[in-house]
Protein backbone atom coordinates (compact mmCIF):
# COMPACT_ATOMS: atom_id res chain seq x y z
CA MET A 1 25.22 -18.35 -18.06
CA ARG A 2 23.77 -16.46 -21.03
CA LEU A 3 20.44 -14.71 -21.44
CA ARG A 4 19.03 -17.54 -23.53
CA ASP A 5 19.79 -19.89 -20.63
CA CYS A 6 17.55 -17.85 -18.31
CA HIS A 7 14.17 -19.53 -17.86
CA ASN A 8 12.88 -18.00 -14.62
CA PHE A 9 13.30 -15.33 -11.96
CA HIS A 10 16.12 -17.19 -10.22
CA ASP A 11 18.15 -17.50 -13.42
CA PHE A 12 17.89 -13.74 -14.04
CA ARG A 13 18.95 -13.07 -10.45
CA ARG A 14 22.04 -15.27 -10.82
CA LEU A 15 23.03 -13.59 -14.07
CA ALA A 16 22.55 -10.12 -12.59
CA ARG A 17 24.68 -11.11 -9.59
CA ARG A 18 27.49 -12.19 -11.91
CA ARG A 19 27.45 -8.91 -13.84
CA LEU A 20 26.85 -6.26 -11.17
CA PRO A 21 29.28 -5.02 -8.52
CA ARG A 22 28.10 -6.24 -5.14
CA PRO A 23 26.93 -2.83 -3.83
CA ILE A 24 24.66 -2.36 -6.87
CA PHE A 25 23.36 -5.94 -6.73
CA ASP A 26 22.64 -5.64 -3.01
CA TYR A 27 20.74 -2.41 -3.58
CA ILE A 28 18.30 -4.33 -5.83
CA ASP A 29 18.36 -7.56 -3.89
CA GLY A 30 18.31 -6.30 -0.33
CA ALA A 31 15.57 -5.25 2.04
CA ALA A 32 15.12 -3.77 5.51
CA ASP A 33 16.44 -5.09 8.84
CA ASP A 34 16.44 -8.92 8.85
CA GLU A 35 14.68 -9.07 5.45
CA VAL A 36 11.88 -11.18 6.94
CA THR A 37 9.14 -9.37 5.02
CA HIS A 38 11.09 -9.68 1.76
CA ARG A 39 11.15 -13.47 2.12
CA ARG A 40 7.56 -13.59 3.38
CA ASN A 41 6.23 -11.82 0.29
CA THR A 42 6.99 -14.81 -1.93
CA ALA A 43 6.44 -17.47 0.72
CA SER A 44 2.86 -16.24 1.17
CA PHE A 45 1.91 -17.69 -2.22
CA GLU A 46 3.12 -21.14 -1.20
CA ARG A 47 0.35 -21.48 1.39
CA CYS A 48 -2.25 -21.18 -1.36
CA ASP A 49 -3.13 -23.98 -3.79
CA LEU A 50 -4.71 -23.65 -7.20
CA VAL A 51 -7.74 -25.85 -7.96
CA PRO A 52 -8.06 -26.24 -11.73
CA ASN A 53 -11.11 -27.11 -13.81
CA VAL A 54 -10.84 -29.28 -16.91
CA LEU A 55 -12.65 -29.79 -20.22
CA ARG A 56 -13.46 -26.09 -20.57
CA GLY A 57 -12.36 -25.47 -24.17
CA VAL A 58 -9.26 -23.30 -23.73
CA GLU A 59 -7.97 -23.00 -27.29
CA HIS A 60 -8.09 -19.19 -27.19
CA ILE A 61 -6.95 -17.21 -24.15
CA ASP A 62 -7.59 -13.51 -23.44
CA MET A 63 -5.23 -12.15 -20.78
CA SER A 64 -6.20 -8.49 -21.18
CA VAL A 65 -7.40 -6.37 -18.27
CA THR A 66 -8.45 -2.78 -17.72
CA VAL A 67 -6.97 -1.15 -14.65
CA LEU A 68 -6.80 2.52 -13.67
CA GLY A 69 -8.56 3.27 -16.94
CA GLN A 70 -5.76 1.62 -18.96
CA LYS A 71 -6.16 -1.42 -21.22
CA LEU A 72 -3.29 -3.87 -20.71
CA ALA A 73 -2.58 -6.92 -22.85
CA MET A 74 -1.68 -8.91 -19.75
CA PRO A 75 -2.41 -8.42 -16.05
CA ILE A 76 1.08 -7.44 -14.91
CA TYR A 77 2.93 -4.14 -15.25
CA CYS A 78 6.45 -2.89 -14.55
CA SER A 79 6.27 -1.01 -11.26
CA PRO A 80 8.13 2.31 -11.03
CA THR A 81 11.55 1.85 -9.44
CA ALA A 82 14.41 4.24 -8.78
CA LEU A 83 17.92 4.55 -10.22
CA GLN A 84 17.47 2.15 -13.15
CA ARG A 85 20.45 3.41 -15.17
CA LEU A 86 22.70 2.26 -12.33
CA PHE A 87 21.71 -1.31 -13.19
CA HIS A 88 22.10 -0.95 -16.97
CA HIS A 89 22.92 2.14 -18.99
CA THR A 90 19.62 1.90 -20.92
CA GLY A 91 17.57 1.99 -17.71
CA GLU A 92 13.98 3.18 -18.06
CA ARG A 93 14.33 3.38 -21.84
CA ALA A 94 14.75 -0.40 -21.98
CA VAL A 95 11.85 -1.04 -19.59
CA ALA A 96 9.50 1.32 -21.44
CA ALA A 97 10.33 -0.23 -24.81
CA ALA A 98 9.83 -3.76 -23.49
CA ALA A 99 6.52 -2.81 -21.86
CA ALA A 100 5.37 -1.26 -25.13
CA LYS A 101 6.27 -4.42 -27.05
CA TYR A 102 4.17 -6.53 -24.69
CA GLY A 103 1.30 -4.08 -24.41
CA THR A 104 1.52 -3.36 -20.73
CA MET A 105 2.03 -0.42 -18.37
CA PHE A 106 5.30 0.84 -16.93
CA GLY A 107 6.16 3.36 -14.25
CA VAL A 108 8.58 6.25 -13.96
CA SER A 109 9.88 7.14 -10.52
CA SER A 110 10.59 10.58 -9.09
CA LEU A 111 14.05 9.07 -8.63
CA GLY A 112 14.06 7.81 -12.21
CA THR A 113 17.09 8.33 -14.44
CA VAL A 114 15.25 9.18 -17.68
CA SER A 115 12.76 12.02 -17.96
CA LEU A 116 9.08 11.22 -17.99
CA GLU A 117 8.69 13.56 -21.01
CA GLU A 118 11.16 11.56 -23.10
CA LEU A 119 9.44 8.28 -22.30
CA ARG A 120 5.98 9.73 -22.88
CA LYS A 121 7.02 10.90 -26.37
CA ALA A 122 8.67 7.60 -27.23
CA HIS A 123 5.81 5.24 -26.34
CA ASP A 124 2.02 5.31 -26.48
CA THR A 125 1.66 2.62 -23.85
CA PRO A 126 0.20 3.57 -20.43
CA GLN A 127 2.66 5.35 -18.17
CA VAL A 128 2.48 5.77 -14.40
CA TYR A 129 4.34 8.58 -12.62
CA GLN A 130 5.32 7.62 -9.09
CA PHE A 131 6.19 10.47 -6.78
CA TYR A 132 6.85 11.28 -3.14
CA TYR A 133 5.29 13.98 -1.01
CA HIS A 134 7.72 16.80 -0.25
CA ARG A 135 7.85 19.39 2.49
CA ASP A 136 7.79 21.98 -0.29
CA ARG A 137 4.11 22.07 -1.32
CA GLY A 138 4.98 24.13 -4.36
CA LEU A 139 7.32 21.37 -5.54
CA ASN A 140 4.51 18.82 -5.17
CA ARG A 141 2.18 20.90 -7.31
CA ALA A 142 4.90 21.57 -9.88
CA MET A 143 5.65 17.86 -10.22
CA MET A 144 2.01 17.05 -10.84
CA GLN A 145 1.68 19.87 -13.37
CA ARG A 146 4.78 18.64 -15.18
CA ALA A 147 3.33 15.13 -15.39
CA LYS A 148 0.00 16.49 -16.64
CA GLU A 149 1.72 18.51 -19.38
CA ALA A 150 3.78 15.47 -20.40
CA GLY A 151 0.61 13.43 -20.95
CA VAL A 152 1.03 10.96 -18.08
CA GLN A 153 -2.19 9.00 -17.56
CA VAL A 154 -1.83 7.76 -13.98
CA MET A 155 -0.45 9.51 -10.90
CA MET A 156 0.85 7.16 -8.19
CA LEU A 157 1.73 8.57 -4.77
CA THR A 158 3.95 6.37 -2.62
CA VAL A 159 2.73 6.63 0.97
CA ASP A 160 4.94 4.13 2.80
CA SER A 161 8.26 5.95 2.36
CA ILE A 162 8.09 9.08 4.48
CA THR A 163 11.50 7.96 5.72
CA GLY A 164 14.01 5.45 4.35
CA GLY A 165 14.04 1.85 5.51
CA ASN A 166 16.97 0.36 7.44
CA ARG A 167 18.79 -1.39 4.59
CA GLU A 168 21.80 -2.89 6.28
CA ARG A 169 23.37 -4.35 3.16
CA ASP A 170 23.78 -0.82 1.80
CA LYS A 171 25.35 0.29 5.07
CA ARG A 172 27.93 -2.49 4.90
CA THR A 173 29.06 -1.57 1.39
CA GLY A 174 28.63 2.18 1.85
CA PHE A 175 26.27 2.31 -1.11
CA SER A 176 24.83 5.77 -1.64
CA ILE A 177 24.14 8.25 -4.41
CA PRO A 178 26.54 10.01 -4.92
CA PHE A 179 28.88 7.06 -4.20
CA ARG A 180 30.57 7.04 -0.79
CA LEU A 181 31.78 3.47 -0.64
CA THR A 182 33.52 1.55 2.11
CA LEU A 183 36.79 -0.22 1.30
CA ALA A 184 34.83 -3.45 0.89
CA GLY A 185 32.44 -1.71 -1.50
CA MET A 186 35.27 -0.25 -3.56
CA TYR A 187 36.87 -3.70 -3.83
CA GLN A 188 33.61 -5.12 -5.19
CA PHE A 189 33.55 -2.46 -7.89
CA GLY A 190 37.19 -3.21 -8.68
CA ILE A 191 36.56 -6.88 -9.42
CA LYS A 192 33.71 -6.05 -11.81
CA PRO A 193 35.47 -3.54 -14.13
CA ALA A 194 33.05 -4.06 -17.03
CA TRP A 195 30.28 -2.32 -15.08
CA GLY A 196 32.51 0.68 -14.34
CA ILE A 197 33.62 0.99 -17.97
CA ASN A 198 30.01 0.84 -19.09
CA TYR A 199 28.99 3.43 -16.49
CA LEU A 200 31.74 5.87 -17.47
CA THR A 201 31.37 5.56 -21.24
CA HIS A 202 27.66 6.42 -21.40
CA GLU A 203 25.78 9.60 -20.63
CA ARG A 204 26.17 11.13 -17.23
CA PHE A 205 24.00 9.66 -14.50
CA LYS A 206 21.26 12.07 -13.45
CA LEU A 207 17.81 12.29 -11.88
CA PRO A 208 15.88 14.43 -14.40
CA GLN A 209 12.66 14.53 -12.36
CA LEU A 210 14.58 16.15 -9.49
CA ASP A 211 17.62 17.63 -11.22
CA GLN A 212 17.05 21.01 -9.60
CA HIS A 213 16.73 19.52 -6.14
CA VAL A 214 19.24 16.65 -5.79
CA ASP A 215 22.91 17.42 -6.47
CA MET A 216 24.54 14.44 -8.21
CA GLY A 217 28.00 16.00 -8.19
CA SER A 218 29.97 16.78 -5.06
CA GLY A 219 26.72 16.25 -3.30
CA ALA A 220 24.93 18.90 -1.33
CA LEU A 221 22.08 16.41 -1.10
CA SER A 222 22.43 12.63 -1.36
CA ILE A 223 19.60 10.17 -1.94
CA SER A 224 19.53 9.27 1.75
CA LYS A 225 19.30 12.94 2.69
CA TYR A 226 16.55 13.34 0.09
CA PHE A 227 14.40 10.98 2.13
CA THR A 228 15.30 12.48 5.50
CA GLU A 229 15.32 16.17 4.57
CA MET A 230 12.99 16.72 1.60
CA LEU A 231 10.14 14.28 2.21
CA ASP A 232 7.38 15.30 4.58
CA PRO A 233 6.58 12.88 7.44
CA SER A 234 3.64 15.11 8.41
CA MET A 235 1.75 14.12 5.22
CA ASN A 236 -1.84 13.25 6.08
CA TRP A 237 -5.13 12.38 4.41
CA ASP A 238 -6.13 16.01 3.94
CA ASP A 239 -2.89 16.66 2.04
CA VAL A 240 -3.50 13.70 -0.24
CA ALA A 241 -7.14 14.63 -0.80
CA GLU A 242 -5.99 18.02 -2.07
CA MET A 243 -3.62 16.34 -4.51
CA VAL A 244 -6.35 14.03 -5.76
CA ARG A 245 -8.54 17.07 -6.48
CA LEU A 246 -5.72 18.92 -8.21
CA TRP A 247 -4.83 15.96 -10.43
CA ASN A 248 -8.47 15.30 -11.36
CA GLY A 249 -7.75 11.97 -13.03
CA GLN A 250 -6.51 8.46 -12.31
CA PHE A 251 -4.86 8.71 -8.90
CA CYS A 252 -3.43 5.72 -7.08
CA LEU A 253 -1.93 5.29 -3.61
CA LYS A 254 0.97 2.83 -3.39
CA GLY A 255 1.72 1.33 -0.01
CA VAL A 256 -1.79 0.90 1.43
CA MET A 257 -2.09 -2.21 3.60
CA SER A 258 -5.03 -1.76 6.02
CA VAL A 259 -8.75 -1.88 5.40
CA ALA A 260 -9.19 1.46 7.16
CA ASP A 261 -6.71 3.12 4.81
CA ALA A 262 -8.26 1.48 1.76
CA ARG A 263 -11.68 2.84 2.71
CA ARG A 264 -10.22 6.29 3.27
CA ALA A 265 -8.62 6.18 -0.18
CA VAL A 266 -12.07 5.56 -1.66
CA GLU A 267 -13.56 8.43 0.34
CA ILE A 268 -11.06 11.01 -0.93
CA GLY A 269 -11.60 10.01 -4.57
CA CYS A 270 -8.64 7.76 -5.40
CA THR A 271 -9.28 5.43 -8.33
CA GLY A 272 -6.78 2.78 -7.28
CA ILE A 273 -4.63 1.44 -4.46
CA VAL A 274 -1.55 -0.76 -4.56
CA LEU A 275 -1.19 -3.17 -1.67
CA SER A 276 2.55 -3.07 -1.12
CA ASN A 277 5.19 -3.19 1.58
CA HIS A 278 7.79 -1.76 -0.82
CA GLY A 279 9.27 -5.18 -1.50
CA GLY A 280 10.17 -5.53 2.18
CA ARG A 281 12.45 -2.50 1.94
CA GLN A 282 10.66 -0.32 4.50
CA LEU A 283 8.98 -1.85 7.58
CA ASP A 284 10.39 -5.31 8.25
CA GLY A 285 7.87 -7.61 9.88
CA SER A 286 4.94 -6.14 7.98
CA ARG A 287 2.28 -8.37 6.45
CA ALA A 288 2.65 -9.72 2.92
CA PRO A 289 0.34 -8.01 0.42
CA PHE A 290 -1.01 -11.34 -0.84
CA ASP A 291 -2.04 -12.31 2.71
CA GLN A 292 -3.92 -9.01 3.05
CA LEU A 293 -5.46 -8.99 -0.42
CA ALA A 294 -8.78 -10.77 0.20
CA GLU A 295 -9.62 -8.57 3.19
CA ILE A 296 -9.01 -5.39 1.18
CA VAL A 297 -10.91 -6.63 -1.89
CA ASP A 298 -13.90 -7.57 0.26
CA ALA A 299 -13.92 -4.11 1.82
CA VAL A 300 -13.47 -1.86 -1.22
CA GLY A 301 -12.99 -3.96 -4.35
CA ASP A 302 -16.32 -2.91 -5.82
CA ARG A 303 -15.45 0.80 -5.54
CA ILE A 304 -11.76 1.08 -6.37
CA ASP A 305 -9.17 -0.82 -8.42
CA VAL A 306 -7.17 -3.00 -6.04
CA ILE A 307 -3.68 -3.86 -7.27
CA MET A 308 -0.86 -5.59 -5.42
CA ASP A 309 2.87 -6.03 -5.69
CA GLY A 310 5.48 -7.92 -3.71
CA GLY A 311 7.07 -11.33 -4.14
CA ILE A 312 5.82 -12.08 -7.66
CA GLN A 313 8.16 -14.58 -9.29
CA ARG A 314 5.85 -16.82 -11.34
CA GLY A 315 2.77 -16.66 -13.51
CA THR A 316 0.98 -18.84 -10.96
CA HIS A 317 1.59 -16.15 -8.33
CA VAL A 318 -0.19 -13.67 -10.59
CA LEU A 319 -3.10 -16.08 -11.14
CA LYS A 320 -3.52 -16.52 -7.39
CA ALA A 321 -3.62 -12.76 -6.83
CA LEU A 322 -6.15 -12.29 -9.63
CA SER A 323 -8.29 -15.11 -8.25
CA LEU A 324 -8.46 -13.26 -4.93
CA GLY A 325 -9.70 -10.14 -6.69
CA ALA A 326 -6.66 -8.07 -7.68
CA LYS A 327 -7.24 -6.16 -10.92
CA ALA A 328 -3.54 -6.39 -11.88
CA VAL A 329 -0.16 -7.13 -10.34
CA GLY A 330 3.01 -5.02 -10.29
CA VAL A 331 6.50 -6.50 -10.58
CA GLY A 332 9.80 -4.90 -9.56
CA ARG A 333 12.75 -7.20 -9.01
CA TYR A 334 11.20 -9.53 -11.61
CA TYR A 335 12.24 -7.10 -14.35
CA LEU A 336 15.17 -5.36 -12.59
CA TYR A 337 17.36 -8.47 -12.52
CA PRO A 338 16.97 -9.07 -16.28
CA LEU A 339 17.45 -5.36 -16.93
CA ALA A 340 20.75 -5.53 -15.07
CA ALA A 341 21.70 -8.73 -16.86
CA ALA A 342 20.95 -7.74 -20.46
CA GLY A 343 19.13 -4.42 -20.83
CA GLN A 344 16.05 -4.32 -23.05
CA ALA A 345 16.59 -7.86 -24.30
CA GLY A 346 16.54 -9.08 -20.71
CA VAL A 347 13.31 -7.28 -19.81
CA GLU A 348 11.67 -8.53 -22.99
CA ARG A 349 12.66 -12.10 -22.20
CA ALA A 350 11.30 -11.78 -18.67
CA LEU A 351 7.97 -10.40 -19.89
CA ASP A 352 7.80 -13.08 -22.60
CA LEU A 353 8.36 -15.82 -20.06
CA MET A 354 5.70 -14.32 -17.80
CA ARG A 355 3.22 -14.11 -20.67
CA SER A 356 3.88 -17.76 -21.53
CA GLU A 357 3.48 -18.82 -17.92
CA LEU A 358 0.21 -16.92 -17.61
CA GLU A 359 -1.20 -18.37 -20.82
CA ARG A 360 -0.16 -21.90 -19.89
CA GLY A 361 -1.48 -21.48 -16.36
CA MET A 362 -4.85 -20.17 -17.53
CA LYS A 363 -5.26 -23.10 -19.91
CA LEU A 364 -4.41 -25.57 -17.17
CA MET A 365 -6.84 -23.77 -14.84
CA GLY A 366 -9.61 -24.06 -17.44
CA CYS A 367 -10.01 -20.30 -17.86
CA THR A 368 -10.15 -18.41 -21.16
CA ALA A 369 -10.37 -14.90 -19.65
CA ILE A 370 -9.11 -13.22 -16.50
CA ASN A 371 -12.62 -12.60 -15.18
CA GLN A 372 -13.19 -16.35 -14.99
CA LEU A 373 -10.64 -16.65 -12.19
CA SER A 374 -12.27 -16.66 -8.75
CA ARG A 375 -11.75 -17.81 -5.19
CA GLU A 376 -13.37 -21.11 -6.15
CA ASN A 377 -10.04 -21.82 -7.83
CA LEU A 378 -8.10 -21.46 -4.54
CA ARG A 379 -7.62 -23.38 -1.31
CA PHE A 380 -5.55 -22.14 1.62
CA ARG A 381 -3.67 -24.54 3.88
């Protein structure tokens, strides 16, 4: 299979699986415990039907939206995800360039492998900085100040990862950063030598947002220990409210799932929330964001930008979320598989396919602009 033969999410996943060593592929593909929530995220869209209108004059389509103060050419963005240069040596550089080409937003993770300053200088497109709350309050303030000085427009605090999820696929292969593989994991790397050659012949893997805090060499602190030792499980609403005041700009909470938490986010001055269960990688058995979306929009949608991620594989999934009231939709695995398969060209193809699906879907729905989508276009079984 070649990139030009990829026509959907599943094709990209198959190509990534062929090219990546199993431990790396499973890190992207896997989720927590029995992976029930991971499967449920996509299945939730299947219980919802679209009801199109016809004869509406749909020659010209406007897919643009404004979310978190940012104008996007289409209503999806590339969610911040960790360790991208493990999947392809271009990593965040490829994702940022593809997002810029298609006029949408991308995110840089605290565990990103390219510095937020480099990406901010390279592209004028909206950039989100996703970060975690640390026990060291001074580190939290320093990370926000660094983002402010770099010109980042949107701060996104992940609130559902105060400890790592139970990702059993990673345990079986011994996947960790730095690598501490099992024999089975080492064998999987051995049968995919092209990845190893690529990894060793490009610049050294690093975490520039945390290079003074996570040792990527002999490993005083691994990624797993980062979650268990550096992140602060005592984080509460007062802590976050202080950060919102310090940032004094677009501030979004990622990982909100309850109405009570959504209302509290409004009260402390957040400008956005992302309904997310971390792609099923944290609390298995949790509700799918799409199933929770209407309840959250009804509660706070007139006071805060409600975004969602989780399970998005098709343009019709995006249209259903927008019809329920989401302002935009984040994608993760949707662009990570093509990144792993073909770098920037892969991400561009994925975004191009999504744009085509959205445009086609809107025409078939009888809508010329995103704000014409509504719950009248949906029926739930």
